[in-house]
Amino acid sequence: MNNKLLILSVAALSLTACKKEAPKQDGPKPYPVVSVETKNIVGYQTFPATIQGRINNDVRAKIQGYITQVLVDEGQYVTKGQPLFRLETNILNENAAAAKAGIGAAQSNIAAAQAAVNASQVEVNKLKPLVAKNIISNVQLQTAQANLSRAQAELQQAVAAKQQATATYKGVEANIEYSIIRAPISGVVGKLPLKVGSLVGPSDQTPITTISDTSGIFAYFSMNEKEYFDFLEKAPGASMKEKIKNLPMVELQLANGSLYPEKGRIEAITGQIDPTTGTIQFRVAFTNAQKLLSNGNSGTIRFPERYDNVLVIPESATYEQQGIVYAYKVDKGDTARNVVVNVIERIDNLALIRSGLNKGETVVASGIGSLKPGTAIKKQPVKMDSLVQSIKPKF
């Protein structure tokens, strides 16, 4: 009996101890909340771009020959007509001397032919009155006239031979001039793959070098078909020309992430979709007075999209289920209830809202992964700007 009483006493003490150690239920958990605001937001569509000089001219030899001098260096700025290369001219000089001698010989032939014409003409002039007076027969006059015609023909041949010799000489001189390869435009010299001793000619597939006019540059980027038709719908204007004219200036982000200081304007859009890539190409013109950009650079075109007086909440205040976007709105009773929101765009850690929320309403700003609809919370108001800035990535 004593043992039973002892066991009951121990059990009672244990139950009392358990009741004392039972944890108290926690109250509502604190969550950061923000008010729905309206802002003027500028977002950017981005497109990879390739950069080219306004004019890019391949430099090729007009005649075949060996390079004897390279007169410029890669990256050097040259002016139109400036010598770039010299080719071997030994054979050309010999040909020029021979052609010049041919002109001299042709001139001598002309002088001899002219003398023969003059003599034949004198003979004809002498015989004409004698024939008229029947002193001599007409046969002698006809023979003299035939000799005159033959002498005149030989003179014409001699003149033609001189013209041919002169043309040959000028051709050789032109080739000598072509042996100096000059810059076709003013600009920057590209790669110089060929050195002294290389054989070059007009039929070479690879140019000797390239000259790029980079006083202004073009950036080329492409849109896919969907993006292109979205662009056509949004761009103001009745015609393509008007739409291009009304487009805003665009920015160029360089390969290192910095922004090019000058903004560019879209000047042209290609007239058809590329069947291989399914894209259409845009051309943007930028000034390049400081020569910061070079032919062949790459970058990213940033196309601005402005949203005026648009509702915004932190992007961290939204979540998605089965393709539907939700946010937790907090009512006056501090209860979080999920609502469907229509998101226009997500820019700089902000979600731009078309519908589902109103200005001034309160939403849970972050940490919504642990929330359930109808959960009571303890509101901790925070400023939207400070919250958004704190979650931006830092590099």
Protein backbone atom coordinates (compact mmCIF):
# COMPACT_ATOMS: atom_id res chain seq x y z
CA MET A 1 0.00 0.00 0.00
CA ASN A 2 2.84 2.35 0.81
CA ASN A 3 4.49 1.53 -2.51
CA LYS A 4 1.31 2.41 -4.43
CA LEU A 5 1.04 5.74 -2.63
CA LEU A 6 4.67 6.50 -3.46
CA ILE A 7 4.15 5.75 -7.17
CA LEU A 8 1.02 7.92 -7.29
CA SER A 9 2.86 10.78 -5.62
CA VAL A 10 5.75 10.57 -8.11
CA ALA A 11 3.30 10.52 -11.06
CA ALA A 12 1.47 13.53 -9.72
CA LEU A 13 4.71 15.45 -9.29
CA SER A 14 5.75 14.51 -12.85
CA LEU A 15 2.46 15.78 -14.30
CA THR A 16 2.82 19.02 -12.37
CA ALA A 17 6.38 19.47 -13.66
CA CYS A 18 5.24 18.81 -17.26
CA LYS A 19 2.52 21.38 -16.97
CA LYS A 20 4.98 23.95 -15.68
CA GLU A 21 7.49 23.24 -18.52
CA ALA A 22 4.89 23.41 -21.37
CA PRO A 23 5.90 26.35 -23.69
CA LYS A 24 3.57 29.24 -24.12
CA GLN A 25 2.11 29.77 -27.60
CA ASP A 26 3.89 32.57 -29.57
CA GLY A 27 1.95 35.64 -30.80
CA PRO A 28 1.93 36.96 -34.41
CA LYS A 29 5.36 36.98 -36.05
CA PRO A 30 6.79 40.29 -37.24
CA TYR A 31 7.00 40.90 -41.02
CA PRO A 32 8.28 43.96 -42.89
CA VAL A 33 5.47 45.75 -44.72
CA VAL A 34 5.35 48.59 -47.25
CA SER A 35 2.65 50.77 -48.72
CA VAL A 36 1.85 50.45 -52.42
CA GLU A 37 3.28 53.53 -54.16
CA THR A 38 3.19 55.11 -57.60
CA LYS A 39 6.43 56.04 -59.34
CA ASN A 40 7.79 57.13 -62.68
CA ILE A 41 10.00 54.25 -63.77
CA VAL A 42 12.34 53.91 -66.75
CA GLY A 43 13.13 50.34 -67.72
CA TYR A 44 15.38 49.07 -70.46
CA GLN A 45 15.13 46.37 -73.06
CA THR A 46 18.63 45.13 -73.83
CA PHE A 47 19.98 43.71 -77.07
CA PRO A 48 23.53 42.48 -77.86
CA ALA A 49 25.17 44.74 -80.44
CA THR A 50 28.17 44.71 -82.75
CA ILE A 51 30.00 47.95 -83.52
CA GLN A 52 31.38 48.98 -86.88
CA GLY A 53 32.94 52.13 -88.25
CA ARG A 54 30.76 54.37 -90.36
CA ILE A 55 32.83 53.35 -93.41
CA ASN A 56 35.03 50.23 -93.63
CA ASN A 57 37.12 49.89 -96.78
CA ASP A 58 39.19 46.85 -97.68
CA VAL A 59 42.57 47.79 -99.12
CA ARG A 60 43.67 45.67 -102.10
CA ALA A 61 46.46 45.84 -104.66
CA LYS A 62 45.47 46.91 -108.19
CA ILE A 63 48.49 45.17 -109.67
CA GLN A 64 50.44 42.06 -108.74
CA GLY A 65 53.77 42.52 -107.03
CA TYR A 66 55.91 41.96 -103.96
CA ILE A 67 55.59 44.31 -100.99
CA THR A 68 58.87 46.20 -100.56
CA GLN A 69 57.75 48.69 -97.89
CA VAL A 70 55.06 48.84 -95.21
CA LEU A 71 54.66 52.55 -94.46
CA VAL A 72 52.06 52.46 -91.64
CA ASP A 73 51.32 50.55 -88.46
CA GLU A 74 48.22 48.88 -87.07
CA GLY A 75 45.87 51.32 -85.33
CA GLN A 76 47.48 54.33 -87.01
CA TYR A 77 45.22 57.13 -88.25
CA VAL A 78 45.79 57.90 -91.94
CA THR A 79 44.35 60.42 -94.36
CA LYS A 80 42.83 59.73 -97.76
CA GLY A 81 45.56 59.21 -100.39
CA GLN A 82 48.34 58.58 -97.85
CA PRO A 83 50.80 55.85 -99.00
CA LEU A 84 50.39 52.59 -97.09
CA PHE A 85 52.56 50.10 -99.03
CA ARG A 86 55.06 50.09 -101.89
CA LEU A 87 55.39 47.24 -104.39
CA GLU A 88 58.41 46.23 -106.49
CA THR A 89 58.66 48.35 -109.70
CA ASN A 90 61.85 47.12 -111.43
CA ILE A 91 60.06 45.44 -114.35
CA LEU A 92 57.53 48.26 -114.56
CA ASN A 93 60.33 50.84 -114.90
CA GLU A 94 61.86 48.82 -117.75
CA ASN A 95 58.48 48.60 -119.44
CA ALA A 96 58.02 52.34 -119.03
CA ALA A 97 61.38 53.04 -120.68
CA ALA A 98 60.53 50.74 -123.59
CA ALA A 99 57.10 52.34 -123.99
CA LYS A 100 58.63 55.80 -123.99
CA ALA A 101 61.09 54.73 -126.69
CA GLY A 102 58.15 53.40 -128.69
CA ILE A 103 56.58 56.86 -128.58
CA GLY A 104 59.78 58.37 -129.97
CA ALA A 105 59.92 55.83 -132.81
CA ALA A 106 56.26 56.45 -133.62
CA GLN A 107 56.91 60.18 -133.75
CA SER A 108 59.74 59.61 -136.24
CA ASN A 109 57.45 57.50 -138.40
CA ILE A 110 54.87 60.26 -138.35
CA ALA A 111 57.47 62.79 -139.50
CA ALA A 112 58.55 60.51 -142.39
CA ALA A 113 54.95 59.82 -143.38
CA GLN A 114 54.13 63.51 -143.27
CA ALA A 115 57.08 64.24 -145.54
CA ALA A 116 55.86 61.61 -148.01
CA VAL A 117 52.37 63.16 -147.97
CA ASN A 118 53.83 66.60 -148.61
CA ALA A 119 55.91 65.33 -151.54
CA SER A 120 52.96 63.47 -153.04
CA GLN A 121 50.78 66.55 -152.67
CA VAL A 122 53.38 68.68 -154.50
CA GLU A 123 53.49 66.13 -157.33
CA VAL A 124 49.69 66.15 -157.68
CA ASN A 125 49.57 69.95 -157.63
CA LYS A 126 52.22 70.08 -160.36
CA LEU A 127 50.48 67.60 -162.67
CA LYS A 128 46.96 69.02 -162.47
CA PRO A 129 47.54 72.08 -164.73
CA LEU A 130 49.55 69.99 -167.21
CA VAL A 131 46.70 67.55 -167.56
CA ALA A 132 44.25 70.42 -167.91
CA LYS A 133 46.29 71.74 -170.87
CA ASN A 134 46.56 68.23 -172.36
CA ILE A 135 50.34 68.40 -172.06
CA ILE A 136 50.46 65.06 -170.28
CA SER A 137 48.00 62.24 -170.00
CA ASN A 138 45.57 61.86 -167.11
CA VAL A 139 47.20 58.53 -166.18
CA GLN A 140 50.21 60.29 -164.63
CA LEU A 141 47.91 62.45 -162.48
CA GLN A 142 45.92 59.45 -161.32
CA THR A 143 49.16 57.68 -160.38
CA ALA A 144 50.31 60.73 -158.39
CA GLN A 145 46.92 60.94 -156.62
CA ALA A 146 47.13 57.25 -155.75
CA ASN A 147 50.59 57.83 -154.28
CA LEU A 148 49.18 60.75 -152.23
CA SER A 149 46.35 58.58 -150.86
CA ARG A 150 48.82 55.87 -149.92
CA ALA A 151 51.08 58.41 -148.17
CA GLN A 152 48.09 59.84 -146.26
CA ALA A 153 47.06 56.33 -145.15
CA GLU A 154 50.59 55.65 -143.93
CA LEU A 155 50.50 58.96 -142.03
CA GLN A 156 47.24 57.92 -140.34
CA GLN A 157 48.78 54.58 -139.42
CA ALA A 158 51.82 56.35 -137.99
CA VAL A 159 49.57 58.65 -135.92
CA ALA A 160 47.56 55.64 -134.67
CA ALA A 161 50.81 53.86 -133.80
CA LYS A 162 51.90 56.85 -131.72
CA GLN A 163 48.54 56.93 -129.94
CA GLN A 164 48.92 53.23 -129.15
CA ALA A 165 52.47 53.77 -127.90
CA THR A 166 51.29 56.69 -125.76
CA ALA A 167 48.46 54.60 -124.28
CA THR A 168 50.92 51.81 -123.52
CA TYR A 169 53.22 54.27 -121.78
CA LYS A 170 50.37 55.76 -119.75
CA GLY A 171 49.27 52.26 -118.77
CA VAL A 172 52.74 51.44 -117.52
CA GLU A 173 52.90 54.75 -115.69
CA ALA A 174 49.53 54.00 -114.07
CA ASN A 175 50.84 50.62 -112.93
CA ILE A 176 53.88 52.35 -111.46
CA GLU A 177 51.49 54.66 -109.61
CA TYR A 178 49.45 51.64 -108.51
CA SER A 179 52.62 50.18 -107.01
CA ILE A 180 52.09 52.75 -104.26
CA ILE A 181 49.01 51.49 -102.41
CA ARG A 182 47.21 54.46 -100.85
CA ALA A 183 44.49 54.87 -98.26
CA PRO A 184 41.06 54.99 -99.97
CA ILE A 185 39.56 56.99 -97.08
CA SER A 186 40.70 58.74 -93.93
CA GLY A 187 40.51 56.45 -90.93
CA VAL A 188 42.24 53.91 -88.72
CA VAL A 189 44.43 51.13 -90.10
CA GLY A 190 43.30 47.63 -89.14
CA LYS A 191 45.36 44.44 -89.00
CA LEU A 192 48.44 44.10 -91.21
CA PRO A 193 48.62 40.36 -91.90
CA LEU A 194 51.09 40.71 -94.81
CA LYS A 195 54.67 41.84 -94.36
CA VAL A 196 57.58 42.89 -96.62
CA GLY A 197 58.20 40.25 -99.29
CA SER A 198 54.57 39.09 -99.51
CA LEU A 199 53.16 38.70 -103.01
CA VAL A 200 49.85 40.54 -103.47
CA GLY A 201 47.48 41.04 -106.38
CA PRO A 202 44.01 42.21 -107.35
CA SER A 203 42.55 38.68 -107.21
CA ASP A 204 43.56 38.05 -103.58
CA GLN A 205 40.60 37.00 -101.41
CA THR A 206 42.11 38.51 -98.25
CA PRO A 207 42.61 42.29 -98.25
CA ILE A 208 46.01 43.72 -97.37
CA THR A 209 44.36 45.68 -94.55
CA THR A 210 41.17 47.59 -93.73
CA ILE A 211 40.71 51.31 -93.19
CA SER A 212 37.83 52.24 -90.86
CA ASP A 213 36.32 55.69 -90.55
CA THR A 214 35.41 55.74 -86.85
CA SER A 215 34.57 59.44 -86.56
CA GLY A 216 31.07 58.03 -86.21
CA ILE A 217 30.11 54.43 -85.55
CA PHE A 218 27.14 52.17 -86.17
CA ALA A 219 25.87 49.68 -83.60
CA TYR A 220 23.83 46.82 -85.07
CA PHE A 221 21.37 44.82 -82.99
CA SER A 222 18.50 42.45 -83.79
CA MET A 223 15.00 41.75 -82.52
CA ASN A 224 13.15 38.50 -82.89
CA GLU A 225 9.82 38.52 -84.67
CA LYS A 226 7.71 38.87 -81.51
CA GLU A 227 9.83 41.72 -80.17
CA TYR A 228 9.67 43.41 -83.55
CA PHE A 229 5.88 43.36 -83.73
CA ASP A 230 5.65 44.54 -80.11
CA PHE A 231 7.94 47.38 -81.11
CA LEU A 232 5.72 48.28 -84.08
CA GLU A 233 2.64 48.38 -81.85
CA LYS A 234 4.23 50.60 -79.20
CA ALA A 235 6.16 52.99 -81.46
CA PRO A 236 4.11 56.11 -82.29
CA GLY A 237 3.60 56.94 -85.96
CA ALA A 238 1.53 55.86 -88.94
CA SER A 239 4.43 54.75 -91.15
CA MET A 240 7.76 53.07 -90.53
CA LYS A 241 9.54 56.35 -91.28
CA GLU A 242 7.47 58.15 -88.65
CA LYS A 243 7.98 55.36 -86.11
CA ILE A 244 11.77 55.51 -86.53
CA LYS A 245 11.72 59.31 -86.30
CA ASN A 246 9.71 59.23 -83.05
CA LEU A 247 11.86 56.61 -81.33
CA PRO A 248 13.73 57.72 -78.19
CA MET A 249 17.50 57.92 -78.01
CA VAL A 250 19.15 54.68 -76.92
CA GLU A 251 22.16 53.92 -74.72
CA LEU A 252 25.19 51.76 -75.40
CA GLN A 253 26.56 49.64 -72.58
CA LEU A 254 30.18 48.73 -73.22
CA ALA A 255 31.78 45.33 -72.69
CA ASN A 256 33.05 46.34 -69.23
CA GLY A 257 29.55 47.30 -68.09
CA SER A 258 30.03 51.08 -68.26
CA LEU A 259 27.74 53.31 -70.31
CA TYR A 260 29.06 55.10 -73.39
CA PRO A 261 28.74 58.85 -72.67
CA GLU A 262 26.90 59.65 -75.90
CA LYS A 263 23.39 58.46 -76.72
CA GLY A 264 22.55 57.11 -80.16
CA ARG A 265 19.62 57.29 -82.52
CA ILE A 266 18.07 54.42 -84.46
CA GLU A 267 18.49 55.37 -88.12
CA ALA A 268 17.37 52.34 -90.09
CA ILE A 269 15.68 48.96 -89.88
CA THR A 270 16.34 46.25 -92.44
CA GLY A 271 13.44 45.59 -94.73
CA GLN A 272 12.97 41.88 -94.06
CA ILE A 273 13.24 39.12 -91.50
CA ASP A 274 16.41 37.03 -91.76
CA PRO A 275 15.08 33.55 -92.63
CA THR A 276 18.07 31.89 -90.96
CA THR A 277 17.84 33.58 -87.56
CA GLY A 278 14.25 34.83 -87.61
CA THR A 279 15.42 38.30 -86.61
CA ILE A 280 15.33 41.80 -88.07
CA GLN A 281 18.31 44.13 -87.77
CA PHE A 282 18.41 47.71 -86.44
CA ARG A 283 21.16 50.27 -87.04
CA VAL A 284 22.02 52.88 -84.41
CA ALA A 285 24.32 55.85 -85.09
CA PHE A 286 26.68 57.20 -82.41
CA THR A 287 29.21 60.01 -82.54
CA ASN A 288 32.78 58.99 -81.71
CA ALA A 289 34.75 62.22 -81.54
CA GLN A 290 37.11 60.88 -78.87
CA LYS A 291 37.73 57.64 -80.86
CA LEU A 292 36.80 55.55 -77.80
CA LEU A 293 35.03 52.97 -79.97
CA SER A 294 36.73 50.86 -82.61
CA ASN A 295 35.58 48.73 -85.48
CA GLY A 296 34.72 45.28 -84.15
CA ASN A 297 33.84 46.28 -80.57
CA SER A 298 30.82 44.71 -78.93
CA GLY A 299 28.27 46.08 -76.48
CA THR A 300 24.63 46.12 -75.46
CA ILE A 301 21.95 48.48 -76.71
CA ARG A 302 19.62 49.68 -73.95
CA PHE A 303 16.22 50.65 -75.31
CA PRO A 304 14.30 52.79 -72.77
CA GLU A 305 10.69 52.10 -71.79
CA ARG A 306 9.04 54.73 -69.61
CA TYR A 307 6.21 53.97 -67.17
CA ASP A 308 4.58 57.06 -65.67
CA ASN A 309 2.63 57.02 -62.39
CA VAL A 310 2.70 53.22 -62.20
CA LEU A 311 1.91 51.17 -59.07
CA VAL A 312 5.02 49.50 -57.61
CA ILE A 313 5.84 47.04 -54.85
CA PRO A 314 9.10 45.25 -54.03
CA GLU A 315 9.69 42.27 -56.26
CA SER A 316 10.31 40.28 -53.06
CA ALA A 317 6.65 40.88 -52.14
CA THR A 318 5.44 38.65 -54.98
CA TYR A 319 5.38 34.92 -55.50
CA GLU A 320 4.10 32.71 -58.30
CA GLN A 321 2.02 29.55 -58.33
CA GLN A 322 0.99 27.76 -61.51
CA GLY A 323 1.74 30.81 -63.60
CA ILE A 324 -0.30 33.20 -61.41
CA VAL A 325 1.44 35.96 -59.44
CA TYR A 326 0.31 36.74 -55.87
CA ALA A 327 1.13 39.22 -53.12
CA TYR A 328 0.10 39.28 -49.46
CA LYS A 329 -2.07 42.29 -48.69
CA VAL A 330 -2.48 43.17 -45.02
CA ASP A 331 -5.92 44.36 -43.89
CA LYS A 332 -6.71 46.53 -40.87
CA GLY A 333 -6.83 43.49 -38.63
CA ASP A 334 -3.18 42.74 -39.37
CA THR A 335 -4.13 39.62 -41.27
CA ALA A 336 -2.18 38.73 -44.44
CA ARG A 337 -4.39 37.64 -47.30
CA ASN A 338 -3.03 36.65 -50.72
CA VAL A 339 -4.33 38.51 -53.76
CA VAL A 340 -3.72 38.01 -57.46
CA VAL A 341 -1.67 40.81 -59.03
CA ASN A 342 -1.07 41.57 -62.69
CA VAL A 343 2.62 42.41 -63.14
CA ILE A 344 3.52 44.65 -66.09
CA GLU A 345 7.29 44.40 -65.73
CA ARG A 346 10.02 43.82 -63.16
CA ILE A 347 12.62 46.60 -63.01
CA ASP A 348 15.38 47.22 -60.46
CA ASN A 349 13.86 44.82 -57.90
CA LEU A 350 10.45 46.47 -58.23
CA ALA A 351 7.32 44.81 -59.57
CA LEU A 352 5.20 47.17 -61.68
CA ILE A 353 1.52 46.40 -61.02
CA ARG A 354 -1.31 46.81 -63.52
CA SER A 355 -4.12 45.51 -61.29
CA GLY A 356 -4.83 43.67 -58.02
CA LEU A 357 -3.63 46.39 -55.64
CA ASN A 358 -4.38 50.06 -55.02
CA LYS A 359 -2.20 52.93 -53.96
CA GLY A 360 -1.79 53.15 -50.19
CA GLU A 361 -2.62 49.53 -49.47
CA THR A 362 -0.18 47.57 -47.32
CA VAL A 363 1.66 44.44 -48.49
CA VAL A 364 4.16 42.13 -46.86
CA ALA A 365 7.50 43.19 -48.30
CA SER A 366 9.63 40.08 -47.87
CA GLY A 367 9.87 36.72 -46.13
CA ILE A 368 6.56 35.57 -47.59
CA GLY A 369 7.73 32.00 -48.04
CA SER A 370 6.56 31.09 -44.55
CA LEU A 371 3.19 32.85 -44.81
CA LYS A 372 -0.18 31.24 -45.37
CA PRO A 373 -3.41 33.03 -46.36
CA GLY A 374 -5.22 34.39 -43.30
CA THR A 375 -2.12 34.42 -41.08
CA ALA A 376 -2.03 37.15 -38.44
CA ILE A 377 1.23 39.13 -38.50
CA LYS A 378 2.92 41.89 -36.60
CA LYS A 379 3.58 44.73 -39.03
CA GLN A 380 7.00 46.32 -39.19
CA PRO A 381 6.75 49.24 -41.63
CA VAL A 382 9.83 49.85 -43.79
CA LYS A 383 10.57 52.30 -46.59
CA MET A 384 10.36 50.76 -50.04
CA ASP A 385 13.44 52.52 -51.42
CA SER A 386 15.69 51.40 -48.57
CA LEU A 387 14.42 47.83 -48.88
CA VAL A 388 14.96 47.69 -52.63
CA GLN A 389 18.42 49.20 -52.38
CA SER A 390 19.43 46.73 -49.68
CA ILE A 391 18.68 43.71 -51.88
CA LYS A 392 20.40 44.99 -55.05
CA PRO A 393 23.45 42.93 -55.99
CA LYS A 394 26.77 44.61 -55.40
CA PHE A 395 29.81 43.84 -57.53
